[in-house]
Amino acid sequence: MKVTAKFFASVREITKKSEETLDVKDGTTVEGLLKLLAEKYGREFRDYVFEDKNETPRDHLQFLIDGKSITIFEGVQTMLYDGCRLAIVPPVGGG
């Protein structure tokens, strides 16, 4: 199935892309996609997205599937579906 990952701010700088469509297996979760992206983009991506070697996503990042926070679903265990768009959103600063 095809899913699109959307990148913002620092993640966009790391990947050098604003979005990417990937072919993934049925049943892939948010966590699985993040690990796949970490394999593809290396240590800088992994260090930015994950807390530790256990690959726990950082609390300050938001992950949205088609504009809805994964916290209203199953968190990082939320299964992706064909055609969905996962956005990796960093904290917003302002003043």
Protein backbone atom coordinates (compact mmCIF):
# COMPACT_ATOMS: atom_id res chain seq x y z
CA MET A 1 0.00 0.00 0.00
CA LYS A 2 1.10 3.58 -0.49
CA VAL A 3 1.34 6.13 2.33
CA THR A 4 2.68 9.66 2.27
CA ALA A 5 4.94 11.06 4.97
CA LYS A 6 4.87 14.85 5.31
CA PHE A 7 7.90 16.59 6.79
CA PHE A 8 8.08 19.98 8.48
CA ALA A 9 10.86 22.20 9.87
CA SER A 10 13.88 20.18 11.10
CA VAL A 11 12.62 16.90 9.62
CA ARG A 12 12.28 18.62 6.25
CA GLU A 13 15.88 19.82 6.57
CA ILE A 14 17.07 16.30 7.44
CA THR A 15 15.20 14.59 4.59
CA LYS A 16 15.56 17.49 2.14
CA LYS A 17 11.93 16.86 1.17
CA SER A 18 8.54 18.22 2.18
CA GLU A 19 6.87 14.85 1.63
CA GLU A 20 7.50 11.38 0.34
CA THR A 21 5.21 8.58 -0.81
CA LEU A 22 6.34 5.13 0.26
CA ASP A 23 5.23 1.58 -0.46
CA VAL A 24 4.72 -0.25 2.84
CA LYS A 25 3.24 -3.59 3.86
CA ASP A 26 -0.38 -3.88 4.94
CA GLY A 27 -0.58 -3.58 8.71
CA THR A 28 2.28 -1.07 8.98
CA THR A 29 1.90 1.13 12.05
CA VAL A 30 3.03 4.70 12.67
CA GLU A 31 5.94 3.26 14.66
CA GLY A 32 6.85 0.95 11.78
CA LEU A 33 6.86 3.80 9.30
CA LEU A 34 9.01 5.95 11.60
CA LYS A 35 11.53 3.11 11.90
CA LEU A 36 11.54 2.66 8.12
CA LEU A 37 12.20 6.39 7.69
CA ALA A 38 14.97 6.22 10.31
CA GLU A 39 16.63 3.42 8.34
CA LYS A 40 16.37 5.45 5.16
CA TYR A 41 17.50 8.82 6.55
CA GLY A 42 19.99 7.65 9.16
CA ARG A 43 21.19 8.79 12.52
CA GLU A 44 20.18 12.45 12.28
CA PHE A 45 16.55 11.50 11.63
CA ARG A 46 16.62 8.79 14.32
CA ASP A 47 18.10 11.16 16.92
CA TYR A 48 15.54 13.85 16.12
CA VAL A 49 12.47 11.59 16.19
CA PHE A 50 13.33 9.02 18.86
CA GLU A 51 14.13 9.44 22.57
CA ASP A 52 16.48 6.50 22.97
CA LYS A 53 17.73 3.25 21.54
CA ASN A 54 14.32 1.70 22.29
CA GLU A 55 13.04 4.01 19.57
CA THR A 56 10.35 5.71 21.62
CA PRO A 57 9.14 8.76 19.68
CA ARG A 58 9.86 12.07 21.41
CA ASP A 59 6.94 13.52 23.37
CA HIS A 60 7.28 16.99 21.85
CA LEU A 61 6.60 15.76 18.31
CA GLN A 62 3.07 15.39 17.02
CA PHE A 63 2.07 12.77 14.49
CA LEU A 64 -1.08 13.35 12.46
CA ILE A 65 -2.86 10.95 10.15
CA ASP A 66 -4.89 12.89 7.63
CA GLY A 67 -4.86 15.86 10.00
CA LYS A 68 -5.92 13.94 13.13
CA SER A 69 -3.60 13.31 16.07
CA ILE A 70 -2.63 9.69 16.58
CA THR A 71 -3.40 10.21 20.28
CA ILE A 72 -7.11 9.81 19.46
CA PHE A 73 -6.37 6.44 17.86
CA GLU A 74 -3.83 3.87 19.06
CA GLY A 75 -0.82 6.18 19.36
CA VAL A 76 2.26 4.89 17.56
CA GLN A 77 0.54 1.51 17.21
CA THR A 78 -2.10 3.08 14.92
CA MET A 79 -2.23 1.14 11.67
CA LEU A 80 -1.80 3.10 8.48
CA TYR A 81 -4.03 2.56 5.47
CA ASP A 82 -3.64 2.91 1.74
CA GLY A 83 -3.53 6.55 0.70
CA CYS A 84 -3.16 8.03 4.18
CA ARG A 85 -0.86 10.94 4.97
CA LEU A 86 1.27 10.93 8.12
CA ALA A 87 2.59 14.35 9.15
CA ILE A 88 5.54 14.66 11.53
CA VAL A 89 5.00 18.00 13.24
CA PRO A 90 7.59 19.61 15.54
CA PRO A 91 6.65 21.92 18.39
CA VAL A 92 5.62 25.41 17.32
CA GLY A 93 7.44 28.37 18.77
CA GLY A 94 6.27 31.91 18.84
CA GLY A 95 6.27 35.04 20.76
